[in-house]
Protein backbone atom coordinates (compact mmCIF):
# COMPACT_ATOMS: atom_id res chain seq x y z
CA MET A 1 -66.70 -97.33 -47.08
CA SER A 2 -66.76 -100.47 -49.16
CA ILE A 3 -65.15 -100.05 -52.55
CA PRO A 4 -66.99 -101.72 -55.42
CA THR A 5 -64.81 -103.71 -57.74
CA VAL A 6 -65.05 -102.60 -61.34
CA GLN A 7 -64.17 -105.41 -63.73
CA PRO A 8 -62.77 -103.97 -66.95
CA GLN A 9 -63.44 -107.21 -68.84
CA THR A 10 -67.19 -106.56 -68.52
CA SER A 11 -66.84 -103.23 -70.29
CA LEU A 12 -64.85 -101.48 -72.96
CA PRO A 13 -61.28 -102.90 -73.15
CA LEU A 14 -59.12 -100.16 -71.78
CA GLN A 15 -56.09 -100.77 -73.97
CA GLN A 16 -58.18 -100.87 -77.13
CA GLN A 17 -58.75 -97.60 -78.97
CA PRO A 18 -62.55 -97.51 -79.30
CA PHE A 19 -62.61 -95.22 -82.33
CA SER A 20 -60.38 -94.49 -85.29
CA ASN A 21 -57.77 -91.82 -84.68
CA PRO A 22 -58.78 -88.61 -86.45
CA VAL A 23 -55.25 -87.28 -86.14
CA HIS A 24 -52.46 -87.79 -88.66
CA GLY A 25 -48.87 -87.29 -87.60
CA GLU A 26 -47.17 -86.89 -84.30
CA GLY A 27 -47.02 -83.86 -82.02
CA ARG A 28 -44.89 -82.70 -79.19
CA LEU A 29 -45.03 -79.86 -76.74
CA PRO A 30 -43.36 -76.75 -78.13
CA GLU A 31 -39.99 -75.74 -76.81
CA ARG A 32 -40.13 -72.16 -75.61
CA PRO A 33 -36.79 -71.47 -73.98
CA ARG A 34 -36.73 -68.59 -71.58
CA ARG A 35 -34.67 -67.37 -68.69
CA HIS A 36 -35.98 -68.06 -65.22
CA LYS A 37 -35.24 -66.40 -61.94
CA THR A 38 -34.91 -68.94 -59.18
CA SER A 39 -34.76 -68.60 -55.42
CA GLY A 40 -31.64 -69.23 -53.38
CA TRP A 41 -32.82 -72.63 -52.20
CA ALA A 42 -33.44 -73.68 -55.79
CA LYS A 43 -29.82 -72.92 -56.71
CA ALA A 44 -28.71 -75.25 -53.98
CA LEU A 45 -30.45 -78.05 -55.82
CA VAL A 46 -27.44 -78.27 -58.13
CA LEU A 47 -25.83 -80.47 -55.49
CA VAL A 48 -28.94 -82.64 -55.30
CA LEU A 49 -29.05 -82.89 -59.08
CA LEU A 50 -25.39 -83.87 -59.36
CA ALA A 51 -25.72 -86.42 -56.59
CA PHE A 52 -28.70 -87.94 -58.35
CA LEU A 53 -26.83 -88.16 -61.64
CA VAL A 54 -23.81 -89.74 -59.98
CA ALA A 55 -26.05 -92.35 -58.36
CA LEU A 56 -27.92 -92.95 -61.58
CA LEU A 57 -24.88 -93.23 -63.82
CA GLY A 58 -22.36 -94.83 -61.53
CA GLY A 59 -20.30 -91.67 -61.26
CA ASP A 60 -20.07 -91.04 -65.02
CA ILE A 61 -22.07 -87.87 -65.55
CA ARG A 62 -20.23 -86.81 -68.70
CA GLN A 63 -21.27 -90.02 -70.48
CA MET A 64 -24.87 -88.78 -70.51
CA VAL A 65 -24.10 -85.12 -71.18
CA THR A 66 -21.35 -85.46 -73.79
CA GLY A 67 -21.80 -88.97 -75.12
CA SER A 68 -18.18 -89.81 -74.23
CA VAL A 69 -17.12 -92.58 -71.90
CA THR A 70 -14.52 -92.13 -69.18
CA PRO A 71 -13.88 -95.35 -67.24
CA PRO A 72 -14.81 -94.40 -63.68
CA LEU A 73 -12.30 -96.68 -61.98
CA GLN A 74 -9.40 -95.15 -63.88
CA ALA A 75 -10.67 -91.65 -63.13
CA PHE A 76 -10.84 -92.31 -59.40
CA ALA A 77 -7.37 -93.87 -59.43
CA MET A 78 -5.73 -90.72 -60.79
CA THR A 79 -3.64 -88.55 -58.50
CA GLY A 80 -2.62 -84.91 -58.79
CA PRO A 81 -4.51 -82.11 -60.52
CA PHE A 82 -7.54 -83.26 -62.55
CA ILE A 83 -7.57 -81.29 -65.80
CA GLN A 84 -9.87 -81.70 -68.76
CA LYS A 85 -11.10 -79.58 -71.64
CA PRO A 86 -14.03 -77.20 -70.98
CA LEU A 87 -17.46 -78.31 -72.16
CA ASN A 88 -18.28 -77.20 -75.66
CA PRO A 89 -21.51 -75.20 -76.37
CA ASP A 90 -23.45 -78.32 -77.35
CA GLN A 91 -22.50 -80.06 -74.13
CA VAL A 92 -23.48 -77.02 -72.07
CA ASN A 93 -26.84 -76.90 -73.88
CA LYS A 94 -27.47 -80.55 -73.00
CA LEU A 95 -26.65 -79.86 -69.37
CA HIS A 96 -29.26 -77.08 -69.30
CA HIS A 97 -31.88 -79.30 -70.96
CA LEU A 98 -31.68 -82.36 -68.76
CA SER A 99 -35.40 -82.93 -69.19
CA ALA A 100 -34.43 -84.59 -72.47
CA TYR A 101 -32.74 -87.30 -70.38
CA ILE A 102 -34.62 -87.28 -67.09
CA SER A 103 -38.40 -87.38 -66.69
CA TYR A 104 -40.23 -84.25 -65.56
CA LYS A 105 -41.41 -86.06 -62.45
CA THR A 106 -37.86 -87.04 -61.52
CA LEU A 107 -36.81 -83.41 -61.82
CA ALA A 108 -39.87 -82.37 -59.80
CA ARG A 109 -38.90 -84.72 -56.97
CA MET A 110 -35.58 -82.89 -56.66
CA TYR A 111 -37.45 -79.69 -55.83
CA LEU A 112 -39.83 -81.65 -53.61
CA SER A 113 -36.96 -82.84 -51.43
CA ARG A 114 -36.35 -79.27 -50.23
CA MET A 115 -39.95 -78.24 -49.60
CA THR A 116 -41.63 -77.89 -46.20
CA LEU A 117 -44.97 -79.51 -45.43
CA ASP A 118 -46.76 -76.14 -45.69
CA GLN A 119 -45.19 -75.51 -49.09
CA LYS A 120 -46.25 -78.93 -50.33
CA LEU A 121 -49.83 -78.62 -49.08
CA GLY A 122 -50.17 -75.11 -50.50
CA GLN A 123 -49.36 -76.41 -53.99
CA LEU A 124 -52.48 -78.60 -53.86
CA PHE A 125 -54.79 -75.58 -54.18
CA MET A 126 -55.89 -73.56 -57.18
CA VAL A 127 -57.47 -70.68 -55.30
CA GLN A 128 -59.87 -67.96 -56.36
CA TYR A 129 -60.54 -64.60 -54.79
CA TRP A 130 -63.32 -62.20 -53.96
CA GLY A 131 -63.66 -58.86 -55.71
CA TYR A 132 -62.69 -57.62 -59.12
CA SER A 133 -58.92 -57.17 -58.91
CA TYR A 134 -55.75 -58.20 -57.09
CA SER A 135 -56.12 -58.10 -53.31
CA ASN A 136 -54.00 -58.37 -50.19
CA ASP A 137 -55.81 -61.57 -49.23
CA LEU A 138 -54.90 -63.13 -52.58
CA GLU A 139 -51.28 -62.15 -51.98
CA THR A 140 -51.43 -63.93 -48.61
CA MET A 141 -52.60 -67.12 -50.30
CA ILE A 142 -49.99 -67.13 -53.07
CA HIS A 143 -47.01 -65.83 -51.08
CA ASP A 144 -47.49 -66.85 -47.46
CA GLN A 145 -49.64 -69.96 -47.95
CA TYR A 146 -47.85 -71.20 -51.11
CA ALA A 147 -50.92 -71.75 -53.33
CA GLY A 148 -50.12 -73.67 -56.50
CA GLY A 149 -52.49 -71.81 -58.80
CA VAL A 150 -55.22 -69.20 -59.22
CA ILE A 151 -58.47 -69.45 -61.21
CA MET A 152 -59.92 -66.25 -62.67
CA TYR A 153 -63.47 -65.42 -63.70
CA GLY A 154 -65.01 -62.93 -66.10
CA ALA A 155 -65.77 -60.28 -63.48
CA GLN A 156 -62.06 -60.16 -62.61
CA MET A 157 -60.94 -59.61 -66.21
CA ASN A 158 -62.36 -56.32 -67.45
CA THR A 159 -59.59 -54.78 -69.57
CA PHE A 160 -56.42 -56.14 -71.12
CA ASN A 161 -54.05 -53.97 -69.08
CA GLN A 162 -55.86 -54.55 -65.79
CA THR A 163 -55.88 -58.33 -66.28
CA LYS A 164 -52.30 -58.60 -67.48
CA ASN A 165 -51.06 -56.36 -64.65
CA ASP A 166 -52.97 -58.38 -62.03
CA ILE A 167 -51.53 -61.66 -63.34
CA THR A 168 -48.03 -60.21 -63.56
CA HIS A 169 -48.34 -59.07 -59.95
CA MET A 170 -49.53 -62.54 -58.89
CA GLN A 171 -46.53 -64.22 -60.48
CA GLU A 172 -44.12 -61.67 -58.96
CA LYS A 173 -45.49 -62.33 -55.47
CA ALA A 174 -45.90 -66.10 -55.81
CA TRP A 175 -43.55 -68.37 -53.93
CA MET A 176 -43.41 -70.69 -56.96
CA PRO A 177 -44.74 -69.84 -60.45
CA LEU A 178 -48.51 -70.24 -60.54
CA LEU A 179 -50.85 -72.16 -62.75
CA ILE A 180 -53.15 -69.30 -63.80
CA SER A 181 -56.38 -70.78 -65.13
CA THR A 182 -59.79 -69.87 -66.46
CA ASP A 183 -62.75 -71.69 -68.07
CA GLU A 184 -62.58 -70.34 -71.61
CA GLU A 185 -64.61 -72.48 -73.99
CA GLY A 186 -66.21 -69.79 -76.11
CA GLY A 187 -69.96 -69.71 -76.61
CA PHE A 188 -71.91 -70.21 -73.39
CA VAL A 189 -68.79 -70.28 -71.12
CA GLU A 190 -66.68 -67.20 -71.81
CA ARG A 191 -64.42 -65.57 -69.23
CA ILE A 192 -62.45 -63.14 -71.40
CA MET A 193 -65.42 -61.75 -73.34
CA ASN A 194 -65.00 -58.30 -71.73
CA ILE A 195 -61.60 -58.06 -73.39
CA TYR A 196 -61.92 -60.00 -76.65
CA GLY A 197 -65.65 -60.12 -77.30
CA HIS A 198 -67.91 -63.07 -78.07
CA ARG A 199 -66.80 -66.09 -80.09
CA GLN A 200 -68.45 -69.36 -81.05
CA GLY A 201 -68.31 -72.25 -78.61
CA ALA A 202 -68.02 -76.01 -79.07
CA LEU A 203 -71.47 -76.89 -80.42
CA GLU A 204 -71.67 -73.88 -82.74
CA THR A 205 -68.23 -74.75 -84.09
CA TYR A 206 -69.25 -78.37 -84.61
CA GLN A 207 -72.38 -77.27 -86.46
CA THR A 208 -70.25 -75.49 -89.10
CA GLY A 209 -69.22 -78.95 -90.33
CA LYS A 210 -65.64 -77.76 -90.80
CA ILE A 211 -63.30 -79.39 -88.31
CA GLU A 212 -60.57 -76.86 -89.08
CA ASN A 213 -62.78 -74.36 -87.23
CA ALA A 214 -62.13 -76.28 -83.98
CA ALA A 215 -58.40 -75.70 -84.51
CA LYS A 216 -59.00 -72.01 -85.33
CA LEU A 217 -61.02 -71.62 -82.14
CA GLY A 218 -58.29 -73.29 -80.09
CA HIS A 219 -55.49 -71.19 -81.59
CA SER A 220 -57.50 -67.99 -81.07
CA ILE A 221 -58.25 -68.77 -77.42
CA ALA A 222 -54.69 -69.91 -76.69
CA HIS A 223 -53.26 -66.73 -78.22
CA ASN A 224 -55.56 -64.50 -76.18
CA LEU A 225 -54.94 -66.37 -72.92
CA GLN A 226 -51.18 -66.41 -73.44
CA SER A 227 -51.22 -62.65 -74.12
CA LEU A 228 -52.85 -62.08 -70.74
CA GLY A 229 -50.54 -64.47 -68.86
CA ILE A 230 -53.15 -67.23 -68.40
CA ASN A 231 -51.30 -70.52 -68.89
CA THR A 232 -54.12 -73.03 -68.24
CA ASP A 233 -57.41 -73.35 -70.11
CA LEU A 234 -59.93 -75.49 -68.22
CA ALA A 235 -61.19 -76.87 -71.53
CA PRO A 236 -62.22 -78.71 -73.64
CA ASP A 237 -65.48 -80.05 -72.26
CA VAL A 238 -65.58 -83.68 -73.46
CA ASP A 239 -68.97 -84.64 -72.05
CA VAL A 240 -70.96 -86.81 -74.46
CA PRO A 241 -74.61 -85.65 -74.45
CA VAL A 242 -77.01 -88.50 -73.71
CA VAL A 243 -79.64 -85.94 -72.78
CA MET A 244 -79.32 -82.20 -73.22
CA GLY A 245 -78.94 -81.45 -69.53
CA PRO A 246 -78.80 -78.06 -67.81
CA ASP A 247 -74.99 -77.99 -67.63
CA GLN A 248 -74.45 -78.93 -71.29
CA TYR A 249 -76.09 -76.09 -73.18
CA MET A 250 -74.02 -75.33 -76.31
CA ARG A 251 -70.88 -76.84 -74.72
CA THR A 252 -70.54 -80.25 -76.37
CA TRP A 253 -68.53 -81.20 -79.47
CA GLY A 254 -71.41 -82.85 -81.27
CA TYR A 255 -73.52 -85.70 -79.99
CA THR A 256 -71.44 -88.90 -80.05
CA PRO A 257 -68.20 -90.18 -78.50
CA GLN A 258 -66.66 -90.11 -81.99
CA SER A 259 -67.48 -86.45 -82.60
CA VAL A 260 -66.32 -85.44 -79.11
CA ILE A 261 -63.00 -87.22 -79.64
CA GLN A 262 -62.43 -85.85 -83.14
CA TRP A 263 -63.49 -82.25 -82.60
CA GLY A 264 -62.46 -81.93 -78.96
CA GLY A 265 -59.11 -83.51 -79.86
CA THR A 266 -58.57 -80.95 -82.61
CA TYR A 267 -59.22 -78.15 -80.11
CA LEU A 268 -56.93 -79.76 -77.51
CA ARG A 269 -54.06 -80.16 -79.98
CA ALA A 270 -54.37 -76.50 -80.95
CA ILE A 271 -54.23 -75.04 -77.44
CA GLN A 272 -51.53 -77.37 -76.13
CA GLY A 273 -49.50 -76.95 -79.31
CA ASP A 274 -49.55 -73.21 -78.59
CA GLY A 275 -48.18 -73.77 -75.09
CA GLU A 276 -51.46 -73.62 -73.16
CA ILE A 277 -52.19 -76.38 -70.64
CA GLY A 278 -55.45 -78.13 -71.53
CA CYS A 279 -57.90 -79.74 -69.10
CA LEU A 280 -60.52 -82.34 -70.01
CA LYS A 281 -63.79 -82.08 -68.09
CA HIS A 282 -66.08 -83.18 -66.47
CA PHE A 283 -64.83 -86.66 -65.48
CA PRO A 284 -66.49 -89.17 -65.49
CA GLY A 285 -69.13 -87.35 -67.59
CA LEU A 286 -72.20 -85.15 -67.21
CA GLY A 287 -73.82 -86.10 -70.50
CA ALA A 288 -76.69 -88.01 -68.85
CA ALA A 289 -77.17 -85.63 -65.90
CA THR A 290 -80.54 -83.91 -65.66
CA THR A 291 -79.61 -81.90 -62.56
CA ASP A 292 -77.15 -78.99 -62.34
CA ALA A 293 -74.53 -79.78 -59.67
CA HIS A 294 -74.32 -76.09 -58.83
CA ALA A 295 -77.71 -76.58 -57.18
CA GLU A 296 -78.05 -80.31 -56.43
CA LEU A 297 -76.04 -83.52 -56.80
CA PRO A 298 -76.86 -85.19 -60.15
CA VAL A 299 -77.57 -88.93 -60.01
CA VAL A 300 -76.89 -90.90 -63.21
CA LYS A 301 -78.23 -94.47 -63.20
CA ARG A 302 -76.43 -96.01 -66.15
CA SER A 303 -74.80 -99.43 -66.41
CA LEU A 304 -71.07 -100.06 -66.47
CA ASP A 305 -71.22 -100.96 -70.14
CA GLN A 306 -73.00 -97.71 -70.94
CA LEU A 307 -70.52 -95.64 -68.94
CA TYR A 308 -67.46 -97.26 -70.52
CA SER A 309 -68.79 -97.12 -74.06
CA THR A 310 -69.99 -93.51 -73.88
CA GLU A 311 -69.03 -91.24 -70.95
CA LEU A 312 -65.57 -92.72 -70.35
CA ALA A 313 -64.68 -93.30 -74.01
CA PRO A 314 -63.13 -89.84 -74.63
CA TYR A 315 -60.94 -90.13 -71.53
CA ASN A 316 -59.77 -93.59 -72.58
CA TYR A 317 -58.87 -92.23 -76.00
CA PHE A 318 -57.02 -89.09 -74.88
CA VAL A 319 -55.02 -90.78 -72.13
CA HIS A 320 -53.70 -93.34 -74.65
CA ALA A 321 -53.41 -91.02 -77.67
CA GLN A 322 -50.12 -91.41 -79.56
CA ASN A 323 -50.08 -87.70 -80.39
CA LYS A 324 -48.67 -86.13 -77.23
CA LEU A 325 -50.60 -82.92 -77.84
CA GLU A 326 -53.76 -84.95 -77.19
CA ASN A 327 -52.56 -86.12 -73.76
CA PRO A 328 -54.22 -83.61 -71.40
CA GLY A 329 -52.13 -81.69 -68.90
CA MET A 330 -55.09 -81.90 -66.50
CA ILE A 331 -58.37 -83.72 -66.03
CA MET A 332 -61.16 -82.20 -63.94
CA THR A 333 -63.39 -84.45 -61.83
CA THR A 334 -66.93 -83.37 -60.99
CA ASP A 335 -69.99 -83.75 -58.78
CA VAL A 336 -72.06 -86.64 -60.07
CA LEU A 337 -73.24 -89.83 -58.36
CA MET A 338 -73.07 -92.98 -60.51
CA PRO A 339 -74.26 -95.94 -58.42
CA ALA A 340 -72.99 -98.53 -60.91
CA VAL A 341 -69.45 -97.61 -59.81
CA ASP A 342 -69.87 -95.98 -56.40
CA PRO A 343 -73.32 -95.80 -54.77
CA ASN A 344 -72.11 -93.63 -51.89
CA MET A 345 -69.71 -90.91 -53.02
CA PRO A 346 -69.84 -88.29 -55.79
CA ALA A 347 -67.25 -89.03 -58.46
CA GLU A 348 -64.78 -86.31 -57.46
CA LEU A 349 -64.73 -87.65 -53.89
CA SER A 350 -64.72 -91.29 -54.98
CA HIS A 351 -61.63 -93.51 -54.72
CA PRO A 352 -63.17 -96.05 -57.14
CA PHE A 353 -63.57 -93.33 -59.77
CA VAL A 354 -60.42 -91.22 -59.32
CA THR A 355 -57.89 -93.86 -58.33
CA ASP A 356 -59.29 -97.21 -59.48
CA ILE A 357 -60.66 -96.10 -62.86
CA LEU A 358 -58.87 -92.88 -63.88
CA ARG A 359 -55.45 -93.73 -62.43
CA HIS A 360 -55.24 -97.53 -62.54
CA GLN A 361 -57.57 -98.66 -65.32
CA LEU A 362 -57.15 -95.75 -67.72
CA GLY A 363 -53.54 -95.21 -66.65
CA TYR A 364 -53.67 -91.41 -66.32
CA ASN A 365 -50.65 -90.02 -64.46
CA GLY A 366 -51.20 -86.29 -64.96
CA VAL A 367 -52.72 -83.68 -62.67
CA VAL A 368 -56.30 -84.31 -61.51
CA LEU A 369 -58.21 -81.20 -60.45
CA THR A 370 -61.55 -81.10 -58.64
CA ASP A 371 -64.50 -79.02 -59.69
CA ALA A 372 -65.40 -76.23 -57.26
CA LEU A 373 -66.06 -77.90 -53.91
CA TYR A 374 -68.47 -75.16 -52.81
CA MET A 375 -71.00 -76.29 -55.45
CA LEU A 376 -74.14 -77.39 -53.65
CA GLY A 377 -73.95 -80.96 -54.93
CA ILE A 378 -71.04 -81.28 -52.47
CA ALA A 379 -71.53 -78.44 -49.97
CA LYS A 380 -74.97 -79.59 -48.81
CA LYS A 381 -73.36 -82.66 -47.24
CA TRP A 382 -69.74 -81.74 -46.47
CA ASN A 383 -68.11 -78.50 -45.37
CA LEU A 384 -65.09 -77.32 -47.35
CA PRO A 385 -62.28 -78.79 -45.17
CA GLN A 386 -64.09 -82.15 -45.07
CA ALA A 387 -64.53 -82.16 -48.85
CA VAL A 388 -60.88 -81.19 -49.37
CA VAL A 389 -59.66 -84.17 -47.34
CA LEU A 390 -62.06 -86.56 -49.08
CA ALA A 391 -60.99 -85.27 -52.51
CA ILE A 392 -57.27 -85.73 -51.82
CA GLU A 393 -57.88 -89.16 -50.28
CA ALA A 394 -59.82 -90.14 -53.41
CA GLY A 395 -56.77 -89.36 -55.57
CA ASN A 396 -57.22 -85.77 -56.77
CA ASP A 397 -54.06 -83.63 -56.89
CA MET A 398 -55.47 -80.09 -56.84
CA ILE A 399 -58.49 -78.46 -55.26
CA LEU A 400 -60.83 -75.84 -56.69
CA GLY A 401 -63.22 -73.95 -54.42
CA VAL A 402 -61.03 -72.13 -51.87
CA ARG A 403 -61.95 -68.44 -51.99
CA ASP A 404 -59.91 -66.72 -49.27
CA SER A 405 -56.95 -67.18 -46.94
CA SER A 406 -59.18 -68.28 -44.05
CA GLU A 407 -60.66 -71.13 -46.10
CA LEU A 408 -57.19 -72.09 -47.32
CA GLY A 409 -55.86 -72.11 -43.75
CA SER A 410 -58.68 -74.33 -42.47
CA SER A 411 -58.29 -76.68 -45.46
CA VAL A 412 -54.54 -77.06 -44.93
CA ALA A 413 -55.15 -77.67 -41.22
CA ALA A 414 -57.64 -80.43 -42.10
CA LEU A 415 -55.08 -82.09 -44.38
CA LYS A 416 -52.45 -81.95 -41.63
CA GLN A 417 -54.91 -83.56 -39.20
CA ALA A 418 -55.66 -86.32 -41.72
CA ILE A 419 -51.93 -86.96 -42.16
CA ALA A 420 -51.39 -87.10 -38.40
CA ALA A 421 -54.32 -89.50 -37.99
CA GLY A 422 -52.94 -91.82 -40.66
CA GLY A 423 -55.84 -91.46 -43.08
CA LEU A 424 -53.71 -89.60 -45.59
CA SER A 425 -50.14 -90.58 -46.38
CA MET A 426 -47.20 -88.29 -47.09
CA ALA A 427 -46.36 -90.55 -50.01
CA SER A 428 -49.63 -89.62 -51.73
CA ILE A 429 -49.10 -85.92 -50.94
CA ASN A 430 -45.59 -86.06 -52.40
CA GLU A 431 -46.89 -87.81 -55.51
CA SER A 432 -49.50 -85.11 -56.08
CA VAL A 433 -47.03 -82.26 -55.57
CA SER A 434 -44.57 -83.98 -57.93
CA ARG A 435 -47.25 -84.11 -60.64
CA ILE A 436 -48.04 -80.40 -60.19
CA ILE A 437 -44.41 -79.29 -60.32
CA ALA A 438 -43.70 -81.64 -63.24
CA LEU A 439 -46.53 -79.97 -65.17
CA LYS A 440 -45.02 -76.55 -64.45
CA ILE A 441 -41.62 -77.76 -65.68
CA GLN A 442 -43.13 -79.38 -68.78
CA TYR A 443 -44.81 -76.13 -69.81
CA HIS A 444 -41.75 -73.99 -69.03
CA LEU A 445 -43.29 -72.23 -66.03
CA TRP A 446 -40.52 -73.49 -63.76
CA PRO A 447 -36.92 -74.29 -64.75
CA SER A 448 -36.00 -77.88 -65.48
CA THR A 449 -32.69 -77.30 -63.70
CA PRO A 450 -31.67 -74.62 -61.20
CA GLU A 451 -29.46 -71.89 -62.62
CA LEU A 452 -25.76 -72.43 -61.96
C-alpha cells in the first residue's frame, strides 16, 4: 500500500495552539498512594531496578535517592565491612516513589523485560464478554490469556453490588491489573443508567451556557465510575459537528472546534483530576460523517486544510496542552475513510493516520485504542484476526472488539504469524505494551516499584 505524504506546512501548524487556552493554572494527576500486592516475579524486578539505576547513575544510587554524593571510586576501593547509617523515612519514601525520578515508560520496560510473548500480546486487548455477568470464559481471557482490559456495557451493569462484585472478581483473577472501561458520556450514551439514573450529556450541558456544568458532569461521572471500580471512561467525545450525523446525536460539546476544546477540556480535567483515565474519541473525527460506521464505512471527502482546521484541531490542542490533566490517557481511533489522507484504509487501520499524523505530527505518545473492530464498517471487508493485525501494524496499541476466548486466541495467533513473517516487529509490540503498563502505573493501578 502506498502511503500518501501529508505535508504539515499546507495545513494547520502543529506546534501552534490554534485557539486560546480556556484553562487557567496548572494541573497534575492526583497522588493516591495505596498498597499493592505483586506477584513473585514482580518482586524479582528489584534486581533489575537496581541494575538499571547503577547503570544510569554510574554506581551512585544514593545520590539520586538521598541527594548526597559518595565518590564511587573511593567506595569501591574500601576494604572490610561496609557500614553506613540506615535510610531515614524521607529517603525510604523517595525509594518507593521512583516515578518522580524515572519516567513511567522506563519503569514499564522493567516489567516488560520479564514478560513472555503471550503475556505481551494479551495486554494489547480490551476484551468484552457475552451475557450479563461474570463468566468462566471471561476469566479465561483475563487470567489465562492475559488480557490488558475489559470494556463493560449497560446490560452488564444492573445493580451497584452486582457490578462492583463482578469488577472486583475480574481484578482478583487478572494476571495484571486491568483497565476496566465503559463509554459513559451521559445523555444519549449512558452505560451506568441502571444504577445511577439518567443525566445530561455533552450537548445538553453545553446548552446550559454554564461551563462549570461540564466540570460537575465530569466529577459526577468519575465519582460513580470509581465507586464501581471502573478506572477508564471512554470519553469525552471531541468530534466537531460539520453535519449532524447519525453517530453525533446529542454527543458533541457545541458546534465549533473552540467550544469542543473549551467544554470537552473542562470535562476531561474533571475526570482525570479525580483519578479516572480519559479517552478522546473518535480520531480523526466523525463530525462530517453521514453514515453510521456500525452499519457501513463512512466516507468523508474533505480537504487537508479542512481536516486540520476542524476535525484534528481538538487533538492538536489536547496533545500539546500545558495542563497535564488535559493530556488524554487514551485516544480512540475509528472507522472512517478520508481520501485526502488515505484513500484505501479506514483511519483506525491506516498507518498514515495513526502513526504519521497522530504519533509523528501531533506527537502523541499515549495509548491508542481502536473502536470495536466488529463494526460493519470494518467487518464487511476484514475478519477479526485480519483487522487486529492491520490495526496493530497501523500503530494502535489496544484492540476493542474481541468478545470471547476463541476470538482472542485466533487474534493472538494472527499477531504471532505476522511477527514470524516479519510484517510486525517485536519492537513495536514492546512499545505498545510499555505504553499500556506505563498508563497503569501512572494511574496507580500497578506499582511503580515492586515491593521489597
